[in-house]
Amino acid sequence: MQKSMNRALTLPVLFVVIYGSGFVGAKLGLQYSEPFTFLLLRFALAGALLALIAYLLKANWPPLKQWGWLALSGLLLQGVFSAGVFYAMWLEMKPAVTALIIALQPLLVAVLAGPYLGEHVSRSRWFGLVIGVLGVGLVVADGLAVEGITPLNLSWAVLGLVGLSVGQLIQKKHCAQMNLFSGGALQVLATVPPLLLLSLWFETAIVEWHPDLLISIFWMGVGVSIGALSVFYVMLRHQQATQVAGIFYGVPVVAALLAWPMFGEVPTPMDWLGFAIVALGILVASGGIQRYFRTPVRQ
């Protein structure tokens, strides 16, 4: 029983640690580049590396009829989500407010998963998802500020929320069995043309090539876009969309913990309470508590 629980925890923990670190890495890199330009560099690097890996491993490329779904999933799940979140913060929305809006993603997925995927969401999972939102709210409570919210940055944040949620559902229904390297390359590269247009339209494309920017782009491109999302796709292949979505509650927790040594942002007692509630919410939403009590103890 203990071994199976450890295996079930490994991928979610790996995902939230790597993915959560991406928000810290983004904060580091956005000091030297505008958001759309930063994302363009990140996804161009990730797409090129994934295509190279697929070529070296002689991975099978998806049939042409699936390319549209792959492009749409990648564009929403990575491009729209990242662009929405990063640009909302660039427009001076507080990171805590952005995190709280994105924390609604598991609930939105749960609402849409029934009609779109035919998934049944149990009462215990709904309960766990609500607990997770409350926990995230406590984690980000210190940074919540109504005065930083405008109709424009709120629209970008909500766009990111919708992109992440709908992209996950499309990934589950149409792209779950894709090759992680060839399919991943198509998904990431689908974000490059729109981001290029956005950078040309909204930004100056001026980049300060500081070492911290290069480190940030490398980590976001390799660690997050390749590493974390490959883990995410594997989880989504074998689990319900609502179960995987609940894991996202752990992302702001990891980001807050990593910001402690990197930026000196010390967690408060309220933060630690929020961390514990988020962990409980994820455990309940994923069915971990139920599996524990239903598994017979071997003598």
C-alpha atoms as a PDB file:
ATOM      1  CA  MET A   1       0.000   0.000   0.000  1.00  0.00           C
ATOM      2  CA  GLN A   2       2.763   2.415   0.968  1.00  0.00           C
ATOM      3  CA  LYS A   3       4.671   1.782  -2.263  1.00  0.00           C
ATOM      4  CA  SER A   4       1.609   2.410  -4.444  1.00  0.00           C
ATOM      5  CA  MET A   5       0.874   5.665  -2.591  1.00  0.00           C
ATOM      6  CA  ASN A   6       4.485   6.781  -3.064  1.00  0.00           C
ATOM      7  CA  ARG A   7       4.258   6.106  -6.815  1.00  0.00           C
ATOM      8  CA  ALA A   8       0.984   8.012  -7.004  1.00  0.00           C
ATOM      9  CA  LEU A   9       2.604  11.018  -5.313  1.00  0.00           C
ATOM     10  CA  THR A  10       5.828  11.131  -7.330  1.00  0.00           C
ATOM     11  CA  LEU A  11       4.503  12.617 -10.583  1.00  0.00           C
ATOM     12  CA  PRO A  12       2.232  15.258  -8.969  1.00  0.00           C
ATOM     13  CA  VAL A  13       5.009  16.402  -6.637  1.00  0.00           C
ATOM     14  CA  LEU A  14       7.503  16.525  -9.507  1.00  0.00           C
ATOM     15  CA  PHE A  15       5.055  18.528 -11.599  1.00  0.00           C
ATOM     16  CA  VAL A  16       4.158  21.152  -8.986  1.00  0.00           C
ATOM     17  CA  VAL A  17       7.801  21.639  -7.971  1.00  0.00           C
ATOM     18  CA  ILE A  18       9.001  22.245 -11.545  1.00  0.00           C
ATOM     19  CA  TYR A  19       5.915  24.143 -12.694  1.00  0.00           C
ATOM     20  CA  GLY A  20       5.818  26.271  -9.541  1.00  0.00           C
ATOM     21  CA  SER A  21       9.470  27.155 -10.000  1.00  0.00           C
ATOM     22  CA  GLY A  22       8.529  28.586 -13.395  1.00  0.00           C
ATOM     23  CA  PHE A  23       6.703  31.513 -11.787  1.00  0.00           C
ATOM     24  CA  VAL A  24       9.827  32.362  -9.821  1.00  0.00           C
ATOM     25  CA  GLY A  25      11.906  32.026 -12.988  1.00  0.00           C
ATOM     26  CA  ALA A  26       9.497  34.250 -14.874  1.00  0.00           C
ATOM     27  CA  LYS A  27       9.755  36.935 -12.189  1.00  0.00           C
ATOM     28  CA  LEU A  28      13.521  36.810 -12.639  1.00  0.00           C
ATOM     29  CA  GLY A  29      13.409  37.063 -16.443  1.00  0.00           C
ATOM     30  CA  LEU A  30      10.672  39.657 -16.841  1.00  0.00           C
ATOM     31  CA  GLN A  31      12.961  42.273 -15.342  1.00  0.00           C
ATOM     32  CA  TYR A  32      14.876  42.274 -18.640  1.00  0.00           C
ATOM     33  CA  SER A  33      12.239  41.557 -21.293  1.00  0.00           C
ATOM     34  CA  GLU A  34       8.635  42.395 -22.072  1.00  0.00           C
ATOM     35  CA  PRO A  35       6.244  39.461 -21.530  1.00  0.00           C
ATOM     36  CA  PHE A  36       5.305  38.479 -25.082  1.00  0.00           C
ATOM     37  CA  THR A  37       8.918  38.731 -26.229  1.00  0.00           C
ATOM     38  CA  PHE A  38      10.004  36.633 -23.248  1.00  0.00           C
ATOM     39  CA  LEU A  39       7.397  33.967 -24.036  1.00  0.00           C
ATOM     40  CA  LEU A  40       8.356  33.997 -27.713  1.00  0.00           C
ATOM     41  CA  LEU A  41      11.984  33.230 -26.815  1.00  0.00           C
ATOM     42  CA  ARG A  42      10.928  30.587 -24.294  1.00  0.00           C
ATOM     43  CA  PHE A  43       8.625  28.676 -26.636  1.00  0.00           C
ATOM     44  CA  ALA A  44      10.939  28.975 -29.644  1.00  0.00           C
ATOM     45  CA  LEU A  45      13.697  27.345 -27.576  1.00  0.00           C
ATOM     46  CA  ALA A  46      11.386  24.624 -26.238  1.00  0.00           C
ATOM     47  CA  GLY A  47       9.916  23.865 -29.667  1.00  0.00           C
ATOM     48  CA  ALA A  48      13.324  23.631 -31.334  1.00  0.00           C
ATOM     49  CA  LEU A  49      14.657  21.320 -28.612  1.00  0.00           C
ATOM     50  CA  LEU A  50      11.581  19.076 -28.698  1.00  0.00           C
ATOM     51  CA  ALA A  51      11.786  18.797 -32.495  1.00  0.00           C
ATOM     52  CA  LEU A  52      15.498  17.949 -32.242  1.00  0.00           C
ATOM     53  CA  ILE A  53      14.845  15.290 -29.592  1.00  0.00           C
ATOM     54  CA  ALA A  54      12.030  13.812 -31.699  1.00  0.00           C
ATOM     55  CA  TYR A  55      14.386  13.663 -34.695  1.00  0.00           C
ATOM     56  CA  LEU A  56      17.239  12.074 -32.745  1.00  0.00           C
ATOM     57  CA  LEU A  57      14.932   9.492 -31.154  1.00  0.00           C
ATOM     58  CA  LYS A  58      13.201   8.867 -34.493  1.00  0.00           C
ATOM     59  CA  ALA A  59       9.845   9.485 -32.855  1.00  0.00           C
ATOM     60  CA  ASN A  60       6.715   8.960 -34.917  1.00  0.00           C
ATOM     61  CA  TRP A  61       5.025  12.192 -35.891  1.00  0.00           C
ATOM     62  CA  PRO A  62       1.254  12.465 -35.429  1.00  0.00           C
ATOM     63  CA  PRO A  63      -0.942  12.064 -38.527  1.00  0.00           C
ATOM     64  CA  LEU A  64      -1.842  15.320 -40.240  1.00  0.00           C
ATOM     65  CA  LYS A  65      -5.492  15.014 -39.208  1.00  0.00           C
ATOM     66  CA  GLN A  66      -4.417  15.384 -35.565  1.00  0.00           C
ATOM     67  CA  TRP A  67      -2.200  18.423 -36.069  1.00  0.00           C
ATOM     68  CA  GLY A  68      -5.133  20.814 -35.692  1.00  0.00           C
ATOM     69  CA  TRP A  69      -6.075  19.449 -32.270  1.00  0.00           C
ATOM     70  CA  LEU A  70      -2.446  19.463 -31.150  1.00  0.00           C
ATOM     71  CA  ALA A  71      -1.971  23.051 -32.275  1.00  0.00           C
ATOM     72  CA  LEU A  72      -5.200  24.164 -30.593  1.00  0.00           C
ATOM     73  CA  SER A  73      -4.378  22.375 -27.334  1.00  0.00           C
ATOM     74  CA  GLY A  74      -0.850  23.771 -27.238  1.00  0.00           C
ATOM     75  CA  LEU A  75      -1.976  27.256 -28.167  1.00  0.00           C
ATOM     76  CA  LEU A  76      -4.556  27.336 -25.372  1.00  0.00           C
ATOM     77  CA  LEU A  77      -2.764  25.348 -22.685  1.00  0.00           C
ATOM     78  CA  GLN A  78       0.583  27.060 -23.084  1.00  0.00           C
ATOM     79  CA  GLY A  79       0.307  30.164 -25.256  1.00  0.00           C
ATOM     80  CA  VAL A  80      -2.998  31.694 -24.151  1.00  0.00           C
ATOM     81  CA  PHE A  81      -2.480  30.745 -20.510  1.00  0.00           C
ATOM     82  CA  SER A  82       1.057  32.132 -20.290  1.00  0.00           C
ATOM     83  CA  ALA A  83       0.284  35.252 -22.311  1.00  0.00           C
ATOM     84  CA  GLY A  84      -2.799  35.999 -20.215  1.00  0.00           C
ATOM     85  CA  VAL A  85      -1.065  35.570 -16.867  1.00  0.00           C
ATOM     86  CA  PHE A  86       2.176  37.325 -17.775  1.00  0.00           C
ATOM     87  CA  TYR A  87       0.498  40.277 -19.454  1.00  0.00           C
ATOM     88  CA  ALA A  88      -1.980  40.734 -16.593  1.00  0.00           C
ATOM     89  CA  MET A  89       0.949  41.057 -14.199  1.00  0.00           C
ATOM     90  CA  TRP A  90       2.757  43.319 -16.679  1.00  0.00           C
ATOM     91  CA  LEU A  91      -0.347  45.551 -16.516  1.00  0.00           C
ATOM     92  CA  GLU A  92       0.250  45.785 -12.750  1.00  0.00           C
ATOM     93  CA  MET A  93      -2.189  43.168 -11.524  1.00  0.00           C
ATOM     94  CA  LYS A  94      -0.821  41.873  -8.227  1.00  0.00           C
ATOM     95  CA  PRO A  95       0.659  38.357  -8.554  1.00  0.00           C
ATOM     96  CA  ALA A  96      -1.534  37.239  -5.648  1.00  0.00           C
ATOM     97  CA  VAL A  97      -4.696  38.314  -7.477  1.00  0.00           C
ATOM     98  CA  THR A  98      -3.534  36.554 -10.628  1.00  0.00           C
ATOM     99  CA  ALA A  99      -2.774  33.391  -8.660  1.00  0.00           C
ATOM    100  CA  LEU A 100      -6.228  33.428  -7.068  1.00  0.00           C
ATOM    101  CA  ILE A 101      -7.949  33.808 -10.454  1.00  0.00           C
ATOM    102  CA  ILE A 102      -5.936  30.947 -11.942  1.00  0.00           C
ATOM    103  CA  ALA A 103      -6.752  28.880  -8.821  1.00  0.00           C
ATOM    104  CA  LEU A 104     -10.316  28.713 -10.143  1.00  0.00           C
ATOM    105  CA  GLN A 105      -9.039  26.452 -12.948  1.00  0.00           C
ATOM    106  CA  PRO A 106      -9.744  23.116 -11.205  1.00  0.00           C
ATOM    107  CA  LEU A 107     -13.324  24.215 -10.497  1.00  0.00           C
ATOM    108  CA  LEU A 108     -13.838  25.350 -14.111  1.00  0.00           C
ATOM    109  CA  VAL A 109     -12.432  22.057 -15.400  1.00  0.00           C
ATOM    110  CA  ALA A 110     -14.766  20.164 -13.055  1.00  0.00           C
ATOM    111  CA  VAL A 111     -17.763  22.098 -14.406  1.00  0.00           C
ATOM    112  CA  LEU A 112     -16.820  21.482 -18.053  1.00  0.00           C
ATOM    113  CA  ALA A 113     -15.482  17.921 -17.747  1.00  0.00           C
ATOM    114  CA  GLY A 114     -18.958  16.427 -17.369  1.00  0.00           C
ATOM    115  CA  PRO A 115     -20.515  17.680 -20.622  1.00  0.00           C
ATOM    116  CA  TYR A 116     -17.260  17.610 -22.639  1.00  0.00           C
ATOM    117  CA  LEU A 117     -15.561  14.443 -21.398  1.00  0.00           C
ATOM    118  CA  GLY A 118     -18.394  12.610 -19.690  1.00  0.00           C
ATOM    119  CA  GLU A 119     -16.479  12.558 -16.402  1.00  0.00           C
ATOM    120  CA  HIS A 120     -18.390  12.178 -13.161  1.00  0.00           C
ATOM    121  CA  VAL A 121     -17.173  14.447 -10.383  1.00  0.00           C
ATOM    122  CA  SER A 122     -17.867  12.939  -6.974  1.00  0.00           C
ATOM    123  CA  ARG A 123     -18.972  14.967  -3.968  1.00  0.00           C
ATOM    124  CA  SER A 124     -15.668  14.288  -2.237  1.00  0.00           C
ATOM    125  CA  ARG A 125     -13.767  15.643  -5.247  1.00  0.00           C
ATOM    126  CA  TRP A 126     -15.923  18.790  -5.316  1.00  0.00           C
ATOM    127  CA  PHE A 127     -15.223  19.171  -1.611  1.00  0.00           C
ATOM    128  CA  GLY A 128     -11.484  18.806  -2.166  1.00  0.00           C
ATOM    129  CA  LEU A 129     -11.527  21.352  -5.014  1.00  0.00           C
ATOM    130  CA  VAL A 130     -13.323  23.921  -2.836  1.00  0.00           C
ATOM    131  CA  ILE A 131     -10.874  23.305   0.010  1.00  0.00           C
ATOM    132  CA  GLY A 132      -8.008  23.892  -2.441  1.00  0.00           C
ATOM    133  CA  VAL A 133      -9.361  27.287  -3.500  1.00  0.00           C
ATOM    134  CA  LEU A 134      -9.693  28.341   0.139  1.00  0.00           C
ATOM    135  CA  GLY A 135      -6.114  27.238   0.815  1.00  0.00           C
ATOM    136  CA  VAL A 136      -4.763  29.200  -2.146  1.00  0.00           C
ATOM    137  CA  GLY A 137      -6.758  32.195  -0.956  1.00  0.00           C
ATOM    138  CA  LEU A 138      -4.961  32.063   2.391  1.00  0.00           C
ATOM    139  CA  VAL A 139      -1.555  31.690   0.707  1.00  0.00           C
ATOM    140  CA  VAL A 140      -2.056  34.798  -1.444  1.00  0.00           C
ATOM    141  CA  ALA A 141      -4.153  36.786   1.062  1.00  0.00           C
ATOM    142  CA  ASP A 142      -1.335  39.169   1.992  1.00  0.00           C
ATOM    143  CA  GLY A 143      -0.928  40.305  -1.607  1.00  0.00           C
ATOM    144  CA  LEU A 144      -4.579  40.752  -2.503  1.00  0.00           C
ATOM    145  CA  ALA A 145      -5.360  44.329  -3.448  1.00  0.00           C
ATOM    146  CA  VAL A 146      -8.482  45.542  -5.203  1.00  0.00           C
ATOM    147  CA  GLU A 147      -6.826  48.783  -6.327  1.00  0.00           C
ATOM    148  CA  GLY A 148      -4.516  46.892  -8.692  1.00  0.00           C
ATOM    149  CA  ILE A 149      -7.391  45.423 -10.696  1.00  0.00           C
ATOM    150  CA  THR A 150      -8.509  47.054 -13.950  1.00  0.00           C
ATOM    151  CA  PRO A 151     -10.919  45.777 -16.600  1.00  0.00           C
ATOM    152  CA  LEU A 152      -7.955  45.285 -18.951  1.00  0.00           C
ATOM    153  CA  ASN A 153      -5.653  43.248 -16.728  1.00  0.00           C
ATOM    154  CA  LEU A 154      -8.634  41.300 -15.341  1.00  0.00           C
ATOM    155  CA  SER A 155      -9.587  40.360 -18.922  1.00  0.00           C
ATOM    156  CA  TRP A 156      -6.076  39.064 -19.611  1.00  0.00           C
ATOM    157  CA  ALA A 157      -6.051  37.017 -16.386  1.00  0.00           C
ATOM    158  CA  VAL A 158      -9.453  35.482 -17.149  1.00  0.00           C
ATOM    159  CA  LEU A 159      -8.250  34.741 -20.680  1.00  0.00           C
ATOM    160  CA  GLY A 160      -5.332  32.828 -19.160  1.00  0.00           C
ATOM    161  CA  LEU A 161      -7.723  30.909 -16.897  1.00  0.00           C
ATOM    162  CA  VAL A 162      -9.966  29.907 -19.805  1.00  0.00           C
ATOM    163  CA  GLY A 163      -6.993  28.951 -21.982  1.00  0.00           C
ATOM    164  CA  LEU A 164      -5.535  26.674 -19.317  1.00  0.00           C
ATOM    165  CA  SER A 165      -8.887  25.027 -18.569  1.00  0.00           C
ATOM    166  CA  VAL A 166     -10.156  24.483 -22.111  1.00  0.00           C
ATOM    167  CA  GLY A 167      -6.699  23.478 -23.344  1.00  0.00           C
ATOM    168  CA  GLN A 168      -6.508  20.773 -20.688  1.00  0.00           C
ATOM    169  CA  LEU A 169      -9.883  19.355 -21.720  1.00  0.00           C
ATOM    170  CA  ILE A 170      -8.910  19.289 -25.408  1.00  0.00           C
ATOM    171  CA  GLN A 171      -5.606  17.645 -24.492  1.00  0.00           C
ATOM    172  CA  LYS A 172      -7.424  14.940 -22.539  1.00  0.00           C
ATOM    173  CA  LYS A 173     -10.016  14.226 -25.232  1.00  0.00           C
ATOM    174  CA  HIS A 174      -8.006  14.530 -28.450  1.00  0.00           C
ATOM    175  CA  CYS A 175      -4.260  14.471 -27.693  1.00  0.00           C
ATOM    176  CA  ALA A 176      -3.733  12.260 -24.632  1.00  0.00           C
ATOM    177  CA  GLN A 177      -1.881   9.531 -26.545  1.00  0.00           C
ATOM    178  CA  MET A 178       0.461  11.849 -28.462  1.00  0.00           C
ATOM    179  CA  ASN A 179       4.206  11.294 -28.509  1.00  0.00           C
ATOM    180  CA  LEU A 180       5.635  13.608 -25.862  1.00  0.00           C
ATOM    181  CA  PHE A 181       8.426  14.873 -28.138  1.00  0.00           C
ATOM    182  CA  SER A 182       6.950  15.118 -31.635  1.00  0.00           C
ATOM    183  CA  GLY A 183       3.474  16.041 -30.393  1.00  0.00           C
ATOM    184  CA  GLY A 184       4.982  18.387 -27.819  1.00  0.00           C
ATOM    185  CA  ALA A 185       7.049  20.115 -30.499  1.00  0.00           C
ATOM    186  CA  LEU A 186       3.943  20.783 -32.616  1.00  0.00           C
ATOM    187  CA  GLN A 187       2.088  22.132 -29.604  1.00  0.00           C
ATOM    188  CA  VAL A 188       4.828  24.500 -28.482  1.00  0.00           C
ATOM    189  CA  LEU A 189       5.657  25.736 -31.979  1.00  0.00           C
ATOM    190  CA  ALA A 190       1.971  26.548 -32.538  1.00  0.00           C
ATOM    191  CA  THR A 191       2.364  29.337 -29.961  1.00  0.00           C
ATOM    192  CA  VAL A 192       5.259  31.035 -31.764  1.00  0.00           C
ATOM    193  CA  PRO A 193       3.435  32.874 -34.622  1.00  0.00           C
ATOM    194  CA  PRO A 194       0.717  34.409 -32.362  1.00  0.00           C
ATOM    195  CA  LEU A 195       3.307  35.473 -29.794  1.00  0.00           C
ATOM    196  CA  LEU A 196       5.428  37.030 -32.526  1.00  0.00           C
ATOM    197  CA  LEU A 197       2.424  39.065 -33.676  1.00  0.00           C
ATOM    198  CA  LEU A 198       1.599  40.092 -30.097  1.00  0.00           C
ATOM    199  CA  SER A 199       5.175  41.168 -29.418  1.00  0.00           C
ATOM    200  CA  LEU A 200       5.245  43.247 -32.595  1.00  0.00           C
ATOM    201  CA  TRP A 201       1.838  44.768 -31.867  1.00  0.00           C
ATOM    202  CA  PHE A 202       2.122  45.547 -28.147  1.00  0.00           C
ATOM    203  CA  GLU A 203       5.835  45.725 -27.389  1.00  0.00           C
ATOM    204  CA  THR A 204       9.111  47.318 -28.363  1.00  0.00           C
ATOM    205  CA  ALA A 205      10.990  43.974 -28.647  1.00  0.00           C
ATOM    206  CA  ILE A 206      13.857  45.529 -26.679  1.00  0.00           C
ATOM    207  CA  VAL A 207      15.689  42.838 -24.688  1.00  0.00           C
ATOM    208  CA  GLU A 208      18.423  43.340 -22.093  1.00  0.00           C
ATOM    209  CA  TRP A 209      20.558  40.220 -22.471  1.00  0.00           C
ATOM    210  CA  HIS A 210      21.370  39.831 -18.809  1.00  0.00           C
ATOM    211  CA  PRO A 211      22.621  36.417 -17.518  1.00  0.00           C
ATOM    212  CA  ASP A 212      19.514  36.173 -15.328  1.00  0.00           C
ATOM    213  CA  LEU A 213      17.334  36.479 -18.437  1.00  0.00           C
ATOM    214  CA  LEU A 214      19.219  33.671 -20.180  1.00  0.00           C
ATOM    215  CA  ILE A 215      18.900  31.447 -17.110  1.00  0.00           C
ATOM    216  CA  SER A 216      15.195  32.243 -16.905  1.00  0.00           C
ATOM    217  CA  ILE A 217      14.524  31.516 -20.591  1.00  0.00           C
ATOM    218  CA  PHE A 218      16.485  28.261 -20.398  1.00  0.00           C
ATOM    219  CA  TRP A 219      14.664  27.070 -17.278  1.00  0.00           C
ATOM    220  CA  MET A 220      11.237  28.107 -18.544  1.00  0.00           C
ATOM    221  CA  GLY A 221      11.885  26.548 -21.941  1.00  0.00           C
ATOM    222  CA  VAL A 222      13.528  23.314 -20.825  1.00  0.00           C
ATOM    223  CA  GLY A 223      12.446  22.749 -17.240  1.00  0.00           C
ATOM    224  CA  VAL A 224       8.847  23.943 -17.483  1.00  0.00           C
ATOM    225  CA  SER A 225       7.775  23.687 -21.146  1.00  0.00           C
ATOM    226  CA  ILE A 226       9.486  20.330 -21.669  1.00  0.00           C
ATOM    227  CA  GLY A 227       9.954  18.778 -18.217  1.00  0.00           C
ATOM    228  CA  ALA A 228       6.897  19.843 -16.234  1.00  0.00           C
ATOM    229  CA  LEU A 229       4.449  19.675 -19.129  1.00  0.00           C
ATOM    230  CA  SER A 230       5.656  16.211 -20.158  1.00  0.00           C
ATOM    231  CA  VAL A 231       4.881  15.048 -16.613  1.00  0.00           C
ATOM    232  CA  PHE A 232       1.498  16.798 -16.849  1.00  0.00           C
ATOM    233  CA  TYR A 233       0.673  15.044 -20.130  1.00  0.00           C
ATOM    234  CA  VAL A 234       1.579  11.654 -18.660  1.00  0.00           C
ATOM    235  CA  MET A 235      -0.720  12.265 -15.685  1.00  0.00           C
ATOM    236  CA  LEU A 236      -3.520  13.445 -17.966  1.00  0.00           C
ATOM    237  CA  ARG A 237      -3.126  10.301 -20.072  1.00  0.00           C
ATOM    238  CA  HIS A 238      -3.847   8.015 -17.120  1.00  0.00           C
ATOM    239  CA  GLN A 239      -6.123  10.062 -14.846  1.00  0.00           C
ATOM    240  CA  GLN A 240      -9.337  12.032 -15.064  1.00  0.00           C
ATOM    241  CA  ALA A 241      -9.007  15.676 -16.073  1.00  0.00           C
ATOM    242  CA  THR A 242     -10.586  16.848 -12.807  1.00  0.00           C
ATOM    243  CA  GLN A 243      -8.128  14.767 -10.776  1.00  0.00           C
ATOM    244  CA  VAL A 244      -5.140  16.267 -12.579  1.00  0.00           C
ATOM    245  CA  ALA A 245      -6.576  19.787 -12.417  1.00  0.00           C
ATOM    246  CA  GLY A 246      -6.673  19.650  -8.621  1.00  0.00           C
ATOM    247  CA  ILE A 247      -2.890  19.286  -8.562  1.00  0.00           C
ATOM    248  CA  PHE A 248      -2.572  22.864  -9.856  1.00  0.00           C
ATOM    249  CA  TYR A 249      -3.467  24.086  -6.373  1.00  0.00           C
ATOM    250  CA  GLY A 250       0.043  23.137  -5.320  1.00  0.00           C
ATOM    251  CA  VAL A 251       1.686  25.449  -7.868  1.00  0.00           C
ATOM    252  CA  PRO A 252       1.286  28.768  -5.972  1.00  0.00           C
ATOM    253  CA  VAL A 253       2.414  26.983  -2.805  1.00  0.00           C
ATOM    254  CA  VAL A 254       5.679  25.905  -4.435  1.00  0.00           C
ATOM    255  CA  ALA A 255       6.125  29.355  -5.986  1.00  0.00           C
ATOM    256  CA  ALA A 256       5.709  30.956  -2.552  1.00  0.00           C
ATOM    257  CA  LEU A 257       8.189  28.556  -0.943  1.00  0.00           C
ATOM    258  CA  LEU A 258      10.805  29.102  -3.664  1.00  0.00           C
ATOM    259  CA  ALA A 259      10.397  32.876  -3.457  1.00  0.00           C
ATOM    260  CA  TRP A 260      11.561  32.607   0.160  1.00  0.00           C
ATOM    261  CA  PRO A 261      15.257  31.858  -0.518  1.00  0.00           C
ATOM    262  CA  MET A 262      15.385  33.638  -3.895  1.00  0.00           C
ATOM    263  CA  PHE A 263      13.657  36.927  -3.080  1.00  0.00           C
ATOM    264  CA  GLY A 264      13.536  36.914   0.717  1.00  0.00           C
ATOM    265  CA  GLU A 265       9.716  36.608   0.773  1.00  0.00           C
ATOM    266  CA  VAL A 266       9.281  34.830   4.118  1.00  0.00           C
ATOM    267  CA  PRO A 267       6.005  32.833   4.480  1.00  0.00           C
ATOM    268  CA  THR A 268       3.734  34.054   7.260  1.00  0.00           C
ATOM    269  CA  PRO A 269       1.813  31.810   9.694  1.00  0.00           C
ATOM    270  CA  MET A 270      -1.249  32.405   7.474  1.00  0.00           C
ATOM    271  CA  ASP A 271       0.761  31.145   4.497  1.00  0.00           C
ATOM    272  CA  TRP A 272       1.696  27.954   6.340  1.00  0.00           C
ATOM    273  CA  LEU A 273      -1.949  27.379   7.244  1.00  0.00           C
ATOM    274  CA  GLY A 274      -2.831  27.874   3.584  1.00  0.00           C
ATOM    275  CA  PHE A 275      -0.128  25.395   2.543  1.00  0.00           C
ATOM    276  CA  ALA A 276      -1.622  22.754   4.836  1.00  0.00           C
ATOM    277  CA  ILE A 277      -5.171  23.388   3.577  1.00  0.00           C
ATOM    278  CA  VAL A 278      -4.025  23.201  -0.050  1.00  0.00           C
ATOM    279  CA  ALA A 279      -2.331  19.860   0.657  1.00  0.00           C
ATOM    280  CA  LEU A 280      -5.530  18.559   2.244  1.00  0.00           C
ATOM    281  CA  GLY A 281      -7.608  19.793  -0.694  1.00  0.00           C
ATOM    282  CA  ILE A 282      -5.342  18.088  -3.239  1.00  0.00           C
ATOM    283  CA  LEU A 283      -5.413  14.871  -1.232  1.00  0.00           C
ATOM    284  CA  VAL A 284      -9.205  14.845  -1.013  1.00  0.00           C
ATOM    285  CA  ALA A 285      -9.724  15.877  -4.660  1.00  0.00           C
ATOM    286  CA  SER A 286      -7.338  13.198  -5.924  1.00  0.00           C
ATOM    287  CA  GLY A 287      -9.018  10.487  -3.871  1.00  0.00           C
ATOM    288  CA  GLY A 288      -5.916   9.881  -1.783  1.00  0.00           C
ATOM    289  CA  ILE A 289      -7.754   9.754   1.533  1.00  0.00           C
ATOM    290  CA  GLN A 290     -10.421   7.442   0.148  1.00  0.00           C
ATOM    291  CA  ARG A 291      -7.807   5.090  -1.325  1.00  0.00           C
ATOM    292  CA  TYR A 292      -5.995   4.978   1.994  1.00  0.00           C
ATOM    293  CA  PHE A 293      -9.047   3.955   3.985  1.00  0.00           C
ATOM    294  CA  ARG A 294     -10.353   1.533   1.363  1.00  0.00           C
ATOM    295  CA  THR A 295      -7.086  -0.332   0.937  1.00  0.00           C
ATOM    296  CA  PRO A 296      -7.051  -3.422   3.138  1.00  0.00           C
ATOM    297  CA  VAL A 297      -4.168  -3.644   5.569  1.00  0.00           C
ATOM    298  CA  ARG A 298      -2.162  -6.795   5.040  1.00  0.00           C
ATOM    299  CA  GLN A 299      -1.079  -8.630   8.125  1.00  0.00           C
END
